[in-house]
Amino acid sequence: MHILGKTALSYGAIATKKFALHNLIHTTQYDSMAWRGILGFRTSPRLSLKGKRVWIVGASSGIGAALAYRCAEDGAQLALSARSTSILEEIVHALEGSQHVALPADVTDMPSLKRAWKKLSAEWGVPDVVLCCAGIYQAPRWDHFSAQEQIQVLDTNVSGTLRILELLLPEWKARRSGLLVLFGSFVGLSGARGALAYGASKAATRHLAESLLLELEPHQIAVQLVTPGFVDTGMTEGLPLRMPMKLTAPHAADIILAQLGRKDVFEIELPYLFVRAIKGAHWLLPRRWFLMLTERFHLPTQK
């Protein structure tokens, strides 16, 4: 019995260590903050959203909608914008708290944004945090190529952010505070099949975020860039391609909020190991090898 008891304890200890290792691997592959803790780096605190006024643009679906629910749970006061009034109102009614507002707006239409901004300013003033989640994807059709379709992607994903900045920056510069969060993509790190304007728009978003980080720092305005891999949203639903380490939208929202407003974090990569692997391969591998590696999960091309 004594030997059996020791054996059982040994197996129990091994099982416990395996479980702990599994949890460690599961956590670190998604979240860079876990790696910082393991390596002993000191980290700045995340932004508390309790009582903060947060404007989420592109809040009707995907990561934007998931962020709305998570921000409300954290005590934020939300303004939600997208083109669909009915969907926004459904989300507002489902959120915790009663101080939220639906602000229908189209980021490609400046008068629409100005109306939303006027209503927002009248109801509860200037937001403390703005999350620019609005984005669309349209695969290029090479047999009947439409420049307008690809321009629409660029207009929504890049010019839409610039229109928001036109409204937002004078107020934030005057009060010397604010947090702007832009949404890029791992597809913006290099060229990819099927991602003509979409990839270009996400590369532009990265450049825009890095430039704004430098330009706005003297005005005490913080900028962060979210770089997602594959996230289970309406945009990726039904795409005929491999999606390694795909996240759900709520999981992605949790990772974003865990790093939101940290002074030592500019880029929020999710899943962390996937995005880092793509970056490493992009820099280290010859171009042809890198394209061969990523070909297996390129976006589809419409013929």
Protein backbone atom coordinates (compact mmCIF):
# COMPACT_ATOMS: atom_id res chain seq x y z
CA MET A 1 0.00 0.00 0.00
CA HIS A 2 2.87 2.29 0.84
CA ILE A 3 4.41 1.78 -2.61
CA LEU A 4 1.05 2.13 -4.33
CA GLY A 5 0.36 5.30 -2.39
CA LYS A 6 3.68 6.82 -3.46
CA THR A 7 3.04 5.80 -7.05
CA ALA A 8 -0.40 7.39 -7.01
CA LEU A 9 1.03 10.60 -5.57
CA SER A 10 3.73 10.65 -8.26
CA TYR A 11 1.20 10.22 -11.06
CA GLY A 12 -0.95 12.89 -9.43
CA ALA A 13 1.98 15.33 -9.34
CA ILE A 14 2.80 14.60 -13.00
CA ALA A 15 -0.83 15.11 -14.03
CA THR A 16 -0.93 18.41 -12.13
CA LYS A 17 2.24 19.63 -13.85
CA LYS A 18 0.93 18.56 -17.26
CA PHE A 19 -2.31 20.44 -16.61
CA ALA A 20 -0.41 23.54 -15.53
CA LEU A 21 1.85 23.31 -18.62
CA HIS A 22 -1.21 22.90 -20.87
CA ASN A 23 -2.80 26.01 -19.36
CA LEU A 24 0.46 27.92 -19.74
CA ILE A 25 0.78 27.00 -23.43
CA HIS A 26 -2.90 27.74 -24.06
CA THR A 27 -2.59 31.18 -22.45
CA THR A 28 0.74 32.26 -23.93
CA GLN A 29 -0.18 31.39 -27.52
CA TYR A 30 -2.93 34.00 -27.40
CA ASP A 31 -1.83 36.74 -25.01
CA SER A 32 1.47 38.65 -25.01
CA MET A 33 0.90 39.78 -21.42
CA ALA A 34 1.34 36.16 -20.29
CA TRP A 35 4.81 36.12 -21.87
CA ARG A 36 5.72 39.39 -20.18
CA GLY A 37 4.82 37.89 -16.82
CA ILE A 38 6.80 34.71 -17.47
CA LEU A 39 9.89 36.68 -18.52
CA GLY A 40 9.62 38.91 -15.47
CA PHE A 41 8.87 42.19 -17.25
CA ARG A 42 7.02 44.80 -15.27
CA THR A 43 3.80 45.83 -16.97
CA SER A 44 1.73 48.97 -16.70
CA PRO A 45 -1.89 48.63 -15.54
CA ARG A 46 -4.67 48.33 -18.09
CA LEU A 47 -7.14 51.16 -18.42
CA SER A 48 -10.12 50.93 -16.10
CA LEU A 49 -13.27 51.52 -18.12
CA LYS A 50 -15.54 52.18 -15.16
CA GLY A 51 -17.26 55.50 -15.82
CA LYS A 52 -15.33 56.02 -19.09
CA ARG A 53 -17.15 57.18 -22.23
CA VAL A 54 -16.31 54.78 -25.06
CA TRP A 55 -17.30 55.24 -28.71
CA ILE A 56 -17.17 52.00 -30.72
CA VAL A 57 -17.40 52.54 -34.48
CA GLY A 58 -18.34 49.33 -36.26
CA ALA A 59 -20.24 47.92 -33.28
CA SER A 60 -22.98 45.94 -35.02
CA SER A 61 -21.07 42.67 -35.44
CA GLY A 62 -17.82 40.80 -34.94
CA ILE A 63 -15.14 42.13 -32.62
CA GLY A 64 -16.90 45.51 -32.33
CA ALA A 65 -20.09 43.94 -30.95
CA ALA A 66 -18.12 41.65 -28.62
CA LEU A 67 -16.20 44.66 -27.31
CA ALA A 68 -19.48 46.46 -26.64
CA TYR A 69 -20.64 43.70 -24.29
CA ARG A 70 -17.27 43.44 -22.56
CA CYS A 71 -16.90 47.21 -22.12
CA ALA A 72 -20.42 47.46 -20.68
CA GLU A 73 -19.58 44.69 -18.20
CA ASP A 74 -16.56 46.74 -17.13
CA GLY A 75 -18.75 49.75 -16.38
CA ALA A 76 -18.15 51.87 -19.48
CA GLN A 77 -20.70 54.26 -20.92
CA LEU A 78 -21.03 53.32 -24.60
CA ALA A 79 -21.88 55.03 -27.85
CA LEU A 80 -22.27 52.46 -30.63
CA SER A 81 -22.06 53.31 -34.31
CA ALA A 82 -22.67 51.31 -37.48
CA ARG A 83 -24.98 51.59 -40.47
CA SER A 84 -27.76 49.36 -39.09
CA THR A 85 -29.96 51.24 -36.65
CA SER A 86 -32.04 48.19 -35.68
CA ILE A 87 -29.03 46.02 -34.81
CA LEU A 88 -27.44 48.80 -32.77
CA GLU A 89 -30.63 49.32 -30.79
CA GLU A 90 -30.88 45.57 -30.08
CA ILE A 91 -27.32 45.56 -28.73
CA VAL A 92 -27.90 48.70 -26.64
CA HIS A 93 -30.98 47.12 -25.04
CA ALA A 94 -29.04 43.95 -24.26
CA LEU A 95 -26.08 45.71 -22.61
CA GLU A 96 -25.54 46.01 -18.88
CA GLY A 97 -26.33 49.53 -17.68
CA SER A 98 -28.68 52.16 -19.04
CA GLN A 99 -26.42 55.01 -20.14
CA HIS A 100 -25.64 53.66 -23.59
CA VAL A 101 -26.65 55.24 -26.88
CA ALA A 102 -27.02 54.04 -30.48
CA LEU A 103 -25.48 56.40 -33.04
CA PRO A 104 -26.17 55.16 -36.57
CA ALA A 105 -23.45 56.38 -38.93
CA ASP A 106 -21.65 55.44 -42.12
CA VAL A 107 -17.88 56.03 -42.00
CA THR A 108 -17.84 56.61 -45.76
CA ASP A 109 -20.31 59.50 -45.42
CA MET A 110 -18.99 62.60 -43.63
CA PRO A 111 -22.42 64.24 -43.12
CA SER A 112 -23.59 61.01 -41.47
CA LEU A 113 -20.61 61.04 -39.10
CA LYS A 114 -21.12 64.71 -38.31
CA ARG A 115 -24.74 64.07 -37.33
CA ALA A 116 -23.64 61.23 -35.05
CA TRP A 117 -20.91 63.42 -33.53
CA LYS A 118 -23.34 66.26 -32.90
CA LYS A 119 -25.74 63.92 -31.12
CA LEU A 120 -22.90 62.35 -29.15
CA SER A 121 -21.56 65.73 -28.02
CA ALA A 122 -25.04 66.88 -27.00
CA GLU A 123 -25.91 63.74 -25.02
CA TRP A 124 -22.68 63.10 -23.08
CA GLY A 125 -19.79 65.08 -24.46
CA VAL A 126 -16.47 63.99 -25.91
CA PRO A 127 -15.56 60.28 -25.61
CA ASP A 128 -12.54 59.18 -23.58
CA VAL A 129 -11.84 56.14 -25.78
CA VAL A 130 -12.58 55.55 -29.47
CA LEU A 131 -12.39 52.05 -30.98
CA CYS A 132 -12.34 52.16 -34.80
CA CYS A 133 -13.57 48.65 -35.64
CA ALA A 134 -15.41 49.43 -38.88
CA GLY A 135 -14.10 47.42 -41.82
CA ILE A 136 -15.20 45.46 -44.87
CA TYR A 137 -13.64 42.84 -47.14
CA GLN A 138 -14.27 42.26 -50.83
CA ALA A 139 -12.28 39.69 -52.80
CA PRO A 140 -11.14 40.98 -56.20
CA ARG A 141 -12.92 39.49 -59.19
CA TRP A 142 -10.28 39.13 -61.85
CA ASP A 143 -12.58 38.23 -64.75
CA HIS A 144 -14.75 41.31 -64.14
CA PHE A 145 -12.46 43.53 -62.09
CA SER A 146 -14.21 46.42 -60.40
CA ALA A 147 -12.08 49.32 -59.23
CA GLN A 148 -15.08 50.73 -57.36
CA GLU A 149 -15.40 47.59 -55.22
CA GLN A 150 -11.77 47.82 -54.13
CA ILE A 151 -11.96 51.59 -53.63
CA GLN A 152 -14.96 51.02 -51.35
CA VAL A 153 -12.79 48.77 -49.16
CA LEU A 154 -10.11 51.44 -48.92
CA ASP A 155 -12.68 54.16 -48.27
CA THR A 156 -14.27 52.23 -45.40
CA ASN A 157 -11.12 50.82 -43.81
CA VAL A 158 -8.80 53.81 -44.15
CA SER A 159 -10.63 57.00 -45.13
CA GLY A 160 -13.34 56.22 -42.57
CA THR A 161 -10.74 56.49 -39.82
CA LEU A 162 -9.50 59.80 -41.19
CA ARG A 163 -13.03 61.21 -41.12
CA ILE A 164 -13.38 60.21 -37.47
CA LEU A 165 -10.05 61.87 -36.70
CA GLU A 166 -11.26 65.12 -38.25
CA LEU A 167 -14.08 65.25 -35.70
CA LEU A 168 -12.17 63.87 -32.76
CA LEU A 169 -8.69 65.38 -32.73
CA PRO A 170 -9.55 69.06 -32.11
CA GLU A 171 -11.45 68.09 -28.94
CA TRP A 172 -8.81 65.69 -27.67
CA LYS A 173 -5.93 68.08 -28.40
CA ALA A 174 -7.75 70.84 -26.52
CA ARG A 175 -8.19 68.72 -23.39
CA ARG A 176 -4.89 66.80 -23.85
CA SER A 177 -6.24 63.30 -23.33
CA GLY A 178 -7.80 60.38 -25.19
CA LEU A 179 -7.18 56.83 -26.35
CA LEU A 180 -7.53 55.87 -30.01
CA VAL A 181 -7.56 52.19 -30.99
CA LEU A 182 -7.21 51.20 -34.65
CA PHE A 183 -7.74 47.73 -36.10
CA GLY A 184 -5.26 46.30 -38.58
CA SER A 185 -4.72 42.67 -39.59
CA PHE A 186 -1.89 40.18 -40.08
CA VAL A 187 -2.83 40.38 -43.79
CA GLY A 188 -1.45 43.92 -43.78
CA LEU A 189 2.06 42.63 -43.01
CA SER A 190 2.69 41.40 -46.57
CA GLY A 191 1.06 40.79 -49.90
CA ALA A 192 -1.49 37.99 -50.04
CA ARG A 193 -3.64 36.32 -52.65
CA GLY A 194 -7.25 37.57 -52.54
CA ALA A 195 -6.46 40.53 -50.27
CA LEU A 196 -5.81 43.24 -52.82
CA ALA A 197 -7.44 46.34 -51.33
CA TYR A 198 -8.14 44.73 -47.95
CA GLY A 199 -4.47 43.96 -47.33
CA ALA A 200 -3.47 47.41 -48.59
CA SER A 201 -6.00 49.02 -46.25
CA LYS A 202 -4.62 47.13 -43.25
CA ALA A 203 -1.05 48.02 -44.17
CA ALA A 204 -2.18 51.64 -44.38
CA THR A 205 -3.87 51.33 -40.99
CA ARG A 206 -0.58 50.11 -39.46
CA HIS A 207 1.27 53.06 -40.97
CA LEU A 208 -1.48 55.42 -39.81
CA ALA A 209 -1.35 54.09 -36.24
CA GLU A 210 2.45 54.32 -36.04
CA SER A 211 2.41 57.87 -37.43
CA LEU A 212 -0.36 58.96 -35.07
CA LEU A 213 1.56 57.47 -32.13
CA LEU A 214 4.41 59.88 -32.86
CA GLU A 215 2.27 62.87 -33.80
CA LEU A 216 -0.17 62.70 -30.87
CA GLU A 217 2.16 61.74 -28.03
CA PRO A 218 3.06 65.40 -27.30
CA HIS A 219 -0.68 66.06 -26.85
CA GLN A 220 -1.08 63.26 -24.27
CA ILE A 221 -3.23 61.25 -26.71
CA ALA A 222 -2.53 57.51 -26.68
CA VAL A 223 -2.73 55.27 -29.75
CA GLN A 224 -2.92 51.49 -29.94
CA LEU A 225 -3.05 49.09 -32.88
CA VAL A 226 -4.88 45.75 -32.78
CA THR A 227 -3.45 43.15 -35.17
CA PRO A 228 -5.78 40.14 -35.33
CA GLY A 229 -5.11 36.82 -36.97
CA PHE A 230 -8.22 34.81 -37.75
CA VAL A 231 -11.32 35.66 -35.73
CA ASP A 232 -14.66 33.89 -36.09
CA THR A 233 -16.83 36.73 -37.41
CA GLY A 234 -19.20 37.34 -40.30
CA MET A 235 -16.21 38.45 -42.39
CA THR A 236 -14.45 35.07 -42.10
CA GLU A 237 -17.56 32.89 -42.03
CA GLY A 238 -17.67 30.55 -45.01
CA LEU A 239 -14.25 31.48 -46.40
CA PRO A 240 -12.70 28.35 -47.95
CA LEU A 241 -9.28 28.57 -46.32
CA ARG A 242 -7.39 27.26 -43.31
CA MET A 243 -7.61 29.44 -40.21
CA PRO A 244 -4.98 28.33 -37.70
CA MET A 245 -5.49 29.40 -34.07
CA LYS A 246 -8.83 31.02 -34.89
CA LEU A 247 -10.35 33.00 -32.01
CA THR A 248 -13.97 33.68 -31.17
CA ALA A 249 -14.95 37.35 -31.14
CA PRO A 250 -15.54 37.36 -27.33
CA HIS A 251 -12.10 35.79 -26.74
CA ALA A 252 -10.53 38.43 -28.98
CA ALA A 253 -12.37 41.16 -27.05
CA ASP A 254 -11.05 39.78 -23.75
CA ILE A 255 -7.45 39.90 -25.00
CA ILE A 256 -7.91 43.46 -26.29
CA LEU A 257 -9.39 44.73 -23.03
CA ALA A 258 -6.63 43.05 -21.00
CA GLN A 259 -4.10 45.27 -22.81
CA LEU A 260 -6.25 48.35 -23.44
CA GLY A 261 -4.55 51.58 -22.47
CA ARG A 262 -1.34 49.98 -21.17
CA LYS A 263 1.42 52.53 -21.63
CA ASP A 264 3.96 49.84 -22.50
CA VAL A 265 1.76 48.22 -25.19
CA PHE A 266 1.33 49.82 -28.60
CA GLU A 267 0.37 46.75 -30.62
CA ILE A 268 -2.12 44.15 -29.39
CA GLU A 269 -1.46 40.95 -31.32
CA LEU A 270 -3.99 38.16 -31.25
CA PRO A 271 -3.38 35.31 -31.21
CA TYR A 272 0.05 36.43 -30.04
CA LEU A 273 2.12 33.47 -31.26
CA PHE A 274 0.38 33.34 -34.64
CA VAL A 275 0.99 37.01 -35.45
CA ARG A 276 4.55 36.81 -34.12
CA ALA A 277 5.22 33.73 -36.26
CA ILE A 278 3.97 35.54 -39.38
CA LYS A 279 6.15 38.55 -38.58
CA GLY A 280 9.21 36.39 -37.95
CA ALA A 281 8.72 34.41 -41.14
CA HIS A 282 8.21 37.61 -43.12
CA TRP A 283 11.53 39.04 -41.95
CA LEU A 284 13.64 35.87 -41.91
CA LEU A 285 12.51 33.81 -44.90
CA PRO A 286 13.24 34.56 -48.56
CA ARG A 287 10.21 36.09 -50.22
CA ARG A 288 9.34 33.02 -52.28
CA TRP A 289 9.53 30.73 -49.21
CA PHE A 290 7.38 33.05 -47.16
CA LEU A 291 4.69 33.25 -49.83
CA MET A 292 4.72 29.45 -50.17
CA LEU A 293 4.31 29.14 -46.40
CA THR A 294 1.37 31.54 -46.19
CA GLU A 295 -0.30 30.34 -49.40
CA ARG A 296 -2.26 27.73 -47.41
CA PHE A 297 -4.30 30.38 -45.64
CA HIS A 298 -4.48 33.14 -48.23
CA LEU A 299 -7.85 34.69 -48.85
CA PRO A 300 -9.83 33.29 -51.79
CA THR A 301 -9.86 34.98 -55.18
CA GLN A 302 -13.15 35.29 -57.04
CA LYS A 303 -12.95 34.36 -60.71
